[in-house]
Amino acid sequence: MNRSDFDHRVDMFIRLLRKPAPDGVFHPWRDVDEELDQPRAARIRSDNLALYLRAHENARAILVGEAAGWAGCRFTGIPFTGENLFEGSDQLEWTNGLALKRSSSKETPYKERSATVVWGEIAGDRNIVLWNAVPWHPHRPAEPLTNRKPTRTEQEAGKAVLMQYLQLFDRAEPIAIGRVSQEVLARIGIEAGYIRHPSMGGHNKFREGVRQLRRRLKSASPAR
């Protein structure tokens, strides 16, 4: 696949992703919260995601999390990624030279604990790309800066986006981060490998799982 083909597929994916979400979730690439977001926040997050996808075009493994988190993807548009990772001492290597922007109206960038663990292990390895089984941000009613487990209805609603994402990186192996994503992948016919989610005390098992994955990817021949 040449570069223009992948660019076109990214554009088509973003277009699908920006369609309406179920009630009860925040849609990072479509919705704007006047109290928390900049006016063009949804477009900023869409552009951030497109840049991220293009930077990881040749990924060979997809880590699929549960859902967008309030301190990470909710404001950046990129799974497991806080605004602090775009700038300053925490800036990620792959972001250098890219026009990634913060979408929040907060004076200081949001920082997600799980994102720190995830990127600490991925360490700029572009063989690995991130996504969530439920792309949107499930939160408690009237509490936008909270996380909750996505409902079965929300999981089902996210399947079309998930399948399109897997097709976008059709040479990459899907691996579930947590049991919810593993179950969603199974329901679309994919028996994915499993790595413990870094939250709720799972960071050590997550780290070891990613290290094993990176060693395997390094020793295996590139996907064709």
C-alpha atoms as a PDB file:
ATOM      1  CA  MET A   1       0.000   0.000   0.000  1.00  0.00           C
ATOM      2  CA  ASN A   2       1.438   3.385  -0.887  1.00  0.00           C
ATOM      3  CA  ARG A   3       1.218   6.468   1.261  1.00  0.00           C
ATOM      4  CA  SER A   4      -1.704   8.072  -0.554  1.00  0.00           C
ATOM      5  CA  ASP A   5      -3.774   4.883  -0.146  1.00  0.00           C
ATOM      6  CA  PHE A   6      -3.228   4.855   3.608  1.00  0.00           C
ATOM      7  CA  ASP A   7      -3.979   8.569   3.868  1.00  0.00           C
ATOM      8  CA  HIS A   8      -7.285   7.988   2.092  1.00  0.00           C
ATOM      9  CA  ARG A   9      -8.164   5.116   4.428  1.00  0.00           C
ATOM     10  CA  VAL A  10      -7.378   7.292   7.447  1.00  0.00           C
ATOM     11  CA  ASP A  11      -9.689   9.993   6.096  1.00  0.00           C
ATOM     12  CA  MET A  12     -12.469   7.431   5.581  1.00  0.00           C
ATOM     13  CA  PHE A  13     -11.977   6.082   9.091  1.00  0.00           C
ATOM     14  CA  ILE A  14     -12.166   9.540  10.671  1.00  0.00           C
ATOM     15  CA  ARG A  15     -15.334  10.193   8.695  1.00  0.00           C
ATOM     16  CA  LEU A  16     -16.912   7.016  10.087  1.00  0.00           C
ATOM     17  CA  LEU A  17     -15.682   7.772  13.589  1.00  0.00           C
ATOM     18  CA  ARG A  18     -17.304  11.226  13.588  1.00  0.00           C
ATOM     19  CA  LYS A  19     -20.812   9.805  13.184  1.00  0.00           C
ATOM     20  CA  PRO A  20     -23.142  10.150  16.210  1.00  0.00           C
ATOM     21  CA  ALA A  21     -22.510   8.054  19.338  1.00  0.00           C
ATOM     22  CA  PRO A  22     -25.071   6.496  21.725  1.00  0.00           C
ATOM     23  CA  ASP A  23     -26.580   8.633  24.489  1.00  0.00           C
ATOM     24  CA  GLY A  24     -24.672   8.666  27.770  1.00  0.00           C
ATOM     25  CA  VAL A  25     -21.143   8.868  26.336  1.00  0.00           C
ATOM     26  CA  PHE A  26     -18.951  11.780  25.290  1.00  0.00           C
ATOM     27  CA  HIS A  27     -17.825  11.692  21.656  1.00  0.00           C
ATOM     28  CA  PRO A  28     -14.300  13.218  21.564  1.00  0.00           C
ATOM     29  CA  TRP A  29     -14.250  13.713  17.778  1.00  0.00           C
ATOM     30  CA  ARG A  30     -17.755  15.202  17.494  1.00  0.00           C
ATOM     31  CA  ASP A  31     -18.852  16.729  20.815  1.00  0.00           C
ATOM     32  CA  VAL A  32     -17.676  19.936  22.486  1.00  0.00           C
ATOM     33  CA  ASP A  33     -18.244  20.773  26.161  1.00  0.00           C
ATOM     34  CA  GLU A  34     -18.296  24.565  26.480  1.00  0.00           C
ATOM     35  CA  GLU A  35     -17.018  24.408  30.077  1.00  0.00           C
ATOM     36  CA  LEU A  36     -14.115  22.036  29.452  1.00  0.00           C
ATOM     37  CA  ASP A  37     -13.157  22.404  25.787  1.00  0.00           C
ATOM     38  CA  GLN A  38     -11.789  24.934  23.372  1.00  0.00           C
ATOM     39  CA  PRO A  39     -14.317  25.988  20.673  1.00  0.00           C
ATOM     40  CA  ARG A  40     -12.728  23.790  17.950  1.00  0.00           C
ATOM     41  CA  ALA A  41     -11.983  20.908  20.286  1.00  0.00           C
ATOM     42  CA  ALA A  42     -13.661  18.158  18.268  1.00  0.00           C
ATOM     43  CA  ARG A  43     -11.728  19.129  15.113  1.00  0.00           C
ATOM     44  CA  ILE A  44      -8.483  19.356  17.102  1.00  0.00           C
ATOM     45  CA  ARG A  45      -8.979  15.837  18.426  1.00  0.00           C
ATOM     46  CA  SER A  46      -9.826  14.514  14.957  1.00  0.00           C
ATOM     47  CA  ASP A  47      -6.673  16.069  13.526  1.00  0.00           C
ATOM     48  CA  ASN A  48      -4.580  14.700  16.417  1.00  0.00           C
ATOM     49  CA  LEU A  49      -5.877  11.197  15.786  1.00  0.00           C
ATOM     50  CA  ALA A  50      -5.199  11.391  12.049  1.00  0.00           C
ATOM     51  CA  LEU A  51      -1.595  12.445  12.740  1.00  0.00           C
ATOM     52  CA  TYR A  52      -1.189   9.597  15.214  1.00  0.00           C
ATOM     53  CA  LEU A  53      -2.543   6.993  12.789  1.00  0.00           C
ATOM     54  CA  ARG A  54      -0.293   8.165   9.963  1.00  0.00           C
ATOM     55  CA  ALA A  55       2.734   8.096  12.264  1.00  0.00           C
ATOM     56  CA  HIS A  56       1.987   4.419  13.015  1.00  0.00           C
ATOM     57  CA  GLU A  57       1.110   3.276   9.494  1.00  0.00           C
ATOM     58  CA  ASN A  58       3.317   0.171   9.626  1.00  0.00           C
ATOM     59  CA  ALA A  59       2.168  -1.081  13.025  1.00  0.00           C
ATOM     60  CA  ARG A  60       2.186  -4.851  13.507  1.00  0.00           C
ATOM     61  CA  ALA A  61       0.170  -5.073  16.731  1.00  0.00           C
ATOM     62  CA  ILE A  62      -2.977  -3.256  17.893  1.00  0.00           C
ATOM     63  CA  LEU A  63      -3.450  -2.901  21.655  1.00  0.00           C
ATOM     64  CA  VAL A  64      -7.215  -2.619  22.156  1.00  0.00           C
ATOM     65  CA  GLY A  65      -8.305  -1.059  25.436  1.00  0.00           C
ATOM     66  CA  GLU A  66     -11.771  -0.789  26.939  1.00  0.00           C
ATOM     67  CA  ALA A  67     -12.948   2.785  26.286  1.00  0.00           C
ATOM     68  CA  ALA A  68     -11.704   6.370  26.113  1.00  0.00           C
ATOM     69  CA  GLY A  69     -10.604   7.742  29.500  1.00  0.00           C
ATOM     70  CA  TRP A  70     -11.520  11.178  30.770  1.00  0.00           C
ATOM     71  CA  ALA A  71      -7.945  12.405  31.336  1.00  0.00           C
ATOM     72  CA  GLY A  72      -6.565  10.896  28.140  1.00  0.00           C
ATOM     73  CA  CYS A  73      -8.368  10.194  24.877  1.00  0.00           C
ATOM     74  CA  ARG A  74     -11.321  12.375  25.934  1.00  0.00           C
ATOM     75  CA  PHE A  75      -9.103  15.452  25.466  1.00  0.00           C
ATOM     76  CA  THR A  76      -6.447  14.303  22.980  1.00  0.00           C
ATOM     77  CA  GLY A  77      -8.410  12.065  20.623  1.00  0.00           C
ATOM     78  CA  ILE A  78      -5.656   9.425  20.977  1.00  0.00           C
ATOM     79  CA  PRO A  79      -6.181   6.360  23.205  1.00  0.00           C
ATOM     80  CA  PHE A  80      -4.112   6.103  26.393  1.00  0.00           C
ATOM     81  CA  THR A  81      -2.588   9.536  25.721  1.00  0.00           C
ATOM     82  CA  GLY A  82      -2.790  12.615  27.953  1.00  0.00           C
ATOM     83  CA  GLU A  83      -2.258  16.201  26.849  1.00  0.00           C
ATOM     84  CA  ASN A  84       0.975  16.336  28.856  1.00  0.00           C
ATOM     85  CA  LEU A  85       2.542  13.921  26.362  1.00  0.00           C
ATOM     86  CA  PHE A  86       2.337  16.558  23.602  1.00  0.00           C
ATOM     87  CA  GLU A  87       4.637  19.103  25.212  1.00  0.00           C
ATOM     88  CA  GLY A  88       7.276  19.819  27.843  1.00  0.00           C
ATOM     89  CA  SER A  89       9.361  17.238  29.673  1.00  0.00           C
ATOM     90  CA  ASP A  90       6.790  14.453  29.106  1.00  0.00           C
ATOM     91  CA  GLN A  91       6.591  14.912  25.312  1.00  0.00           C
ATOM     92  CA  LEU A  92       6.674  11.666  23.331  1.00  0.00           C
ATOM     93  CA  GLU A  93       9.353  11.190  20.677  1.00  0.00           C
ATOM     94  CA  TRP A  94       6.942  10.408  17.838  1.00  0.00           C
ATOM     95  CA  THR A  95       5.138  13.737  18.373  1.00  0.00           C
ATOM     96  CA  ASN A  96       8.187  15.822  17.449  1.00  0.00           C
ATOM     97  CA  GLY A  97       7.478  17.960  14.400  1.00  0.00           C
ATOM     98  CA  LEU A  98       3.753  17.169  14.352  1.00  0.00           C
ATOM     99  CA  ALA A  99       1.077  19.793  14.875  1.00  0.00           C
ATOM    100  CA  LEU A 100      -0.590  18.029  17.805  1.00  0.00           C
ATOM    101  CA  LYS A 101      -2.669  20.368  19.941  1.00  0.00           C
ATOM    102  CA  ARG A 102      -4.405  20.443  23.291  1.00  0.00           C
ATOM    103  CA  SER A 103      -8.202  20.632  23.073  1.00  0.00           C
ATOM    104  CA  SER A 104      -9.013  21.425  26.695  1.00  0.00           C
ATOM    105  CA  SER A 105      -9.517  24.927  28.062  1.00  0.00           C
ATOM    106  CA  LYS A 106      -7.647  23.999  31.248  1.00  0.00           C
ATOM    107  CA  GLU A 107      -4.559  26.080  32.015  1.00  0.00           C
ATOM    108  CA  THR A 108      -2.369  23.020  32.512  1.00  0.00           C
ATOM    109  CA  PRO A 109      -2.528  19.823  30.398  1.00  0.00           C
ATOM    110  CA  TYR A 110      -4.495  16.813  31.538  1.00  0.00           C
ATOM    111  CA  LYS A 111      -2.412  13.797  32.550  1.00  0.00           C
ATOM    112  CA  GLU A 112      -3.699  10.217  32.612  1.00  0.00           C
ATOM    113  CA  ARG A 113      -2.092   7.706  34.958  1.00  0.00           C
ATOM    114  CA  SER A 114      -2.652   4.723  32.641  1.00  0.00           C
ATOM    115  CA  ALA A 115      -1.129   6.680  29.746  1.00  0.00           C
ATOM    116  CA  THR A 116       2.108   7.113  31.668  1.00  0.00           C
ATOM    117  CA  VAL A 117       2.347   3.358  32.198  1.00  0.00           C
ATOM    118  CA  VAL A 118       1.369   2.504  28.607  1.00  0.00           C
ATOM    119  CA  TRP A 119       3.818   4.855  26.909  1.00  0.00           C
ATOM    120  CA  GLY A 120       6.523   3.989  29.422  1.00  0.00           C
ATOM    121  CA  GLU A 121       6.475   0.454  28.011  1.00  0.00           C
ATOM    122  CA  ILE A 122       5.759   1.200  24.339  1.00  0.00           C
ATOM    123  CA  ALA A 123       8.676   3.658  24.448  1.00  0.00           C
ATOM    124  CA  GLY A 124       8.156   5.008  20.943  1.00  0.00           C
ATOM    125  CA  ASP A 125       7.846   1.556  19.342  1.00  0.00           C
ATOM    126  CA  ARG A 126       5.855   2.244  16.170  1.00  0.00           C
ATOM    127  CA  ASN A 127       5.194  -1.457  15.705  1.00  0.00           C
ATOM    128  CA  ILE A 128       2.394  -0.947  18.251  1.00  0.00           C
ATOM    129  CA  VAL A 129      -0.728   1.159  17.706  1.00  0.00           C
ATOM    130  CA  LEU A 130      -3.506   1.837  20.230  1.00  0.00           C
ATOM    131  CA  TRP A 131      -7.301   1.777  20.114  1.00  0.00           C
ATOM    132  CA  ASN A 132     -10.363   1.100  22.301  1.00  0.00           C
ATOM    133  CA  ALA A 133     -13.175  -1.410  21.894  1.00  0.00           C
ATOM    134  CA  VAL A 134     -15.598   1.420  22.708  1.00  0.00           C
ATOM    135  CA  PRO A 135     -14.123   4.547  21.105  1.00  0.00           C
ATOM    136  CA  TRP A 136     -16.161   7.083  23.086  1.00  0.00           C
ATOM    137  CA  HIS A 137     -15.874   8.192  26.720  1.00  0.00           C
ATOM    138  CA  PRO A 138     -18.425   6.554  29.076  1.00  0.00           C
ATOM    139  CA  HIS A 139     -18.909   8.651  32.220  1.00  0.00           C
ATOM    140  CA  ARG A 140     -21.288   8.816  35.167  1.00  0.00           C
ATOM    141  CA  PRO A 141     -24.399  10.982  34.599  1.00  0.00           C
ATOM    142  CA  ALA A 142     -23.647  14.708  35.004  1.00  0.00           C
ATOM    143  CA  GLU A 143     -20.026  13.887  35.921  1.00  0.00           C
ATOM    144  CA  PRO A 144     -17.997  14.422  32.728  1.00  0.00           C
ATOM    145  CA  LEU A 145     -14.604  13.918  34.415  1.00  0.00           C
ATOM    146  CA  THR A 146     -15.272  10.340  35.511  1.00  0.00           C
ATOM    147  CA  ASN A 147     -14.894   6.912  33.927  1.00  0.00           C
ATOM    148  CA  ARG A 148     -17.308   3.995  34.015  1.00  0.00           C
ATOM    149  CA  LYS A 149     -17.482   0.573  32.395  1.00  0.00           C
ATOM    150  CA  PRO A 150     -19.197   0.752  28.995  1.00  0.00           C
ATOM    151  CA  THR A 151     -22.589  -0.930  28.810  1.00  0.00           C
ATOM    152  CA  ARG A 152     -23.269  -3.858  26.516  1.00  0.00           C
ATOM    153  CA  THR A 153     -25.266  -1.503  24.265  1.00  0.00           C
ATOM    154  CA  GLU A 154     -22.274   0.839  24.006  1.00  0.00           C
ATOM    155  CA  GLN A 155     -19.969  -2.083  23.305  1.00  0.00           C
ATOM    156  CA  GLU A 156     -22.233  -3.233  20.491  1.00  0.00           C
ATOM    157  CA  ALA A 157     -22.484   0.297  19.082  1.00  0.00           C
ATOM    158  CA  GLY A 158     -18.693   0.592  18.907  1.00  0.00           C
ATOM    159  CA  LYS A 159     -18.165  -2.607  16.929  1.00  0.00           C
ATOM    160  CA  ALA A 160     -18.455  -0.996  13.471  1.00  0.00           C
ATOM    161  CA  VAL A 161     -15.719   1.504  14.323  1.00  0.00           C
ATOM    162  CA  LEU A 162     -13.555  -1.229  15.841  1.00  0.00           C
ATOM    163  CA  MET A 163     -13.847  -3.423  12.756  1.00  0.00           C
ATOM    164  CA  GLN A 164     -12.963  -0.496  10.487  1.00  0.00           C
ATOM    165  CA  TYR A 165      -9.911   0.252  12.637  1.00  0.00           C
ATOM    166  CA  LEU A 166      -8.753  -3.359  12.380  1.00  0.00           C
ATOM    167  CA  GLN A 167      -9.110  -3.123   8.595  1.00  0.00           C
ATOM    168  CA  LEU A 168      -7.100   0.106   8.584  1.00  0.00           C
ATOM    169  CA  PHE A 169      -4.195  -1.809  10.159  1.00  0.00           C
ATOM    170  CA  ASP A 170      -4.972  -5.072   8.404  1.00  0.00           C
ATOM    171  CA  ARG A 171      -1.444  -6.474   8.831  1.00  0.00           C
ATOM    172  CA  ALA A 172      -1.444  -5.926  12.598  1.00  0.00           C
ATOM    173  CA  GLU A 173      -2.317  -8.473  15.291  1.00  0.00           C
ATOM    174  CA  PRO A 174      -5.109  -7.379  17.689  1.00  0.00           C
ATOM    175  CA  ILE A 175      -4.328  -7.851  21.389  1.00  0.00           C
ATOM    176  CA  ALA A 176      -6.856  -7.082  24.121  1.00  0.00           C
ATOM    177  CA  ILE A 177      -5.943  -4.841  27.039  1.00  0.00           C
ATOM    178  CA  GLY A 178      -8.442  -6.008  29.646  1.00  0.00           C
ATOM    179  CA  ARG A 179     -11.338  -8.468  29.575  1.00  0.00           C
ATOM    180  CA  VAL A 180     -13.993  -6.107  28.167  1.00  0.00           C
ATOM    181  CA  SER A 181     -12.017  -5.548  24.973  1.00  0.00           C
ATOM    182  CA  GLN A 182     -11.218  -9.256  24.737  1.00  0.00           C
ATOM    183  CA  GLU A 183     -14.946 -10.065  24.938  1.00  0.00           C
ATOM    184  CA  VAL A 184     -15.859  -7.429  22.327  1.00  0.00           C
ATOM    185  CA  LEU A 185     -13.199  -8.761  19.956  1.00  0.00           C
ATOM    186  CA  ALA A 186     -14.516 -12.300  20.479  1.00  0.00           C
ATOM    187  CA  ARG A 187     -18.005 -11.161  19.518  1.00  0.00           C
ATOM    188  CA  ILE A 188     -16.720 -10.020  16.122  1.00  0.00           C
ATOM    189  CA  GLY A 189     -14.956 -13.347  15.628  1.00  0.00           C
ATOM    190  CA  ILE A 190     -11.441 -12.455  16.791  1.00  0.00           C
ATOM    191  CA  GLU A 191      -9.795 -14.597  19.483  1.00  0.00           C
ATOM    192  CA  ALA A 192      -7.250 -12.017  20.553  1.00  0.00           C
ATOM    193  CA  GLY A 193      -4.337 -12.383  22.917  1.00  0.00           C
ATOM    194  CA  TYR A 194      -4.701 -10.773  26.333  1.00  0.00           C
ATOM    195  CA  ILE A 195      -2.640  -8.343  28.419  1.00  0.00           C
ATOM    196  CA  ARG A 196      -3.770  -7.089  31.823  1.00  0.00           C
ATOM    197  CA  HIS A 197      -5.066  -3.507  31.880  1.00  0.00           C
ATOM    198  CA  PRO A 198      -2.667  -1.166  33.734  1.00  0.00           C
ATOM    199  CA  SER A 199      -5.379   0.314  35.979  1.00  0.00           C
ATOM    200  CA  MET A 200      -6.536  -1.063  39.344  1.00  0.00           C
ATOM    201  CA  GLY A 201      -3.155  -2.463  40.304  1.00  0.00           C
ATOM    202  CA  GLY A 202      -2.474  -4.154  36.989  1.00  0.00           C
ATOM    203  CA  HIS A 203       0.522  -2.055  35.914  1.00  0.00           C
ATOM    204  CA  ASN A 204       3.197  -4.688  36.611  1.00  0.00           C
ATOM    205  CA  LYS A 205       1.380  -7.398  34.653  1.00  0.00           C
ATOM    206  CA  PHE A 206       0.714  -4.910  31.860  1.00  0.00           C
ATOM    207  CA  ARG A 207       4.388  -4.000  31.654  1.00  0.00           C
ATOM    208  CA  GLU A 208       5.452  -7.625  31.436  1.00  0.00           C
ATOM    209  CA  GLY A 209       2.826  -8.367  28.799  1.00  0.00           C
ATOM    210  CA  VAL A 210       3.979  -5.506  26.584  1.00  0.00           C
ATOM    211  CA  ARG A 211       7.628  -6.452  27.042  1.00  0.00           C
ATOM    212  CA  GLN A 212       6.874  -9.989  25.899  1.00  0.00           C
ATOM    213  CA  LEU A 213       4.962  -8.624  22.900  1.00  0.00           C
ATOM    214  CA  ARG A 214       7.788  -6.298  21.892  1.00  0.00           C
ATOM    215  CA  ARG A 215      10.334  -9.113  22.150  1.00  0.00           C
ATOM    216  CA  ARG A 216       8.116 -11.293  19.948  1.00  0.00           C
ATOM    217  CA  LEU A 217       7.638  -8.556  17.358  1.00  0.00           C
ATOM    218  CA  LYS A 218      11.354  -7.864  17.306  1.00  0.00           C
ATOM    219  CA  SER A 219      12.276 -11.527  16.761  1.00  0.00           C
ATOM    220  CA  ALA A 220       9.577 -12.207  14.146  1.00  0.00           C
ATOM    221  CA  SER A 221       9.966 -11.321  10.506  1.00  0.00           C
ATOM    222  CA  PRO A 222       7.951  -8.258   9.384  1.00  0.00           C
ATOM    223  CA  ALA A 223       4.370  -8.913   8.378  1.00  0.00           C
ATOM    224  CA  ARG A 224       3.822  -9.036   4.636  1.00  0.00           C
END
